[in-house]
Amino acid sequence: MINKFEKAKHYKGPKLFINLSPCPPGWHTDPSHSAKLAKLAVDTGVWALKEAVYGEISHTIIPQKFKPVEEYLREQGRFAHLFQPVRQLGMTHIFCWTPC
């Protein structure tokens, strides 16, 4: 992120930085897993890394092969209900909406 700030200071006008930051209490996760969760978000396609400079949008990282979204969701206690046997149909629906 520091590299992005350094790059942005050379451009005129306002700048906007949007980042994904795991919330251990709200997501019911171990704080030591925050970096892993952020990486999983990108690796599963849940969070795309992009940058826009003067209206030109480019992807900064595109995984060669996306990991299953289930890996990202399973790490978070807030999604525990999706992995109960009765909810497997719900997981199938989620998988249909994510990149393969």
Foldseek 3Di string as FASTA:
>chain_A
DVVVVVVVVVDDDDDDDDADFDDCVVQVADPVCGVVLRVLCQLQVVDFAWDADPRDIDGPDHDPHHDHCCVNNVRTPVNVVCPDPVNVVVSVVVRVPTDD
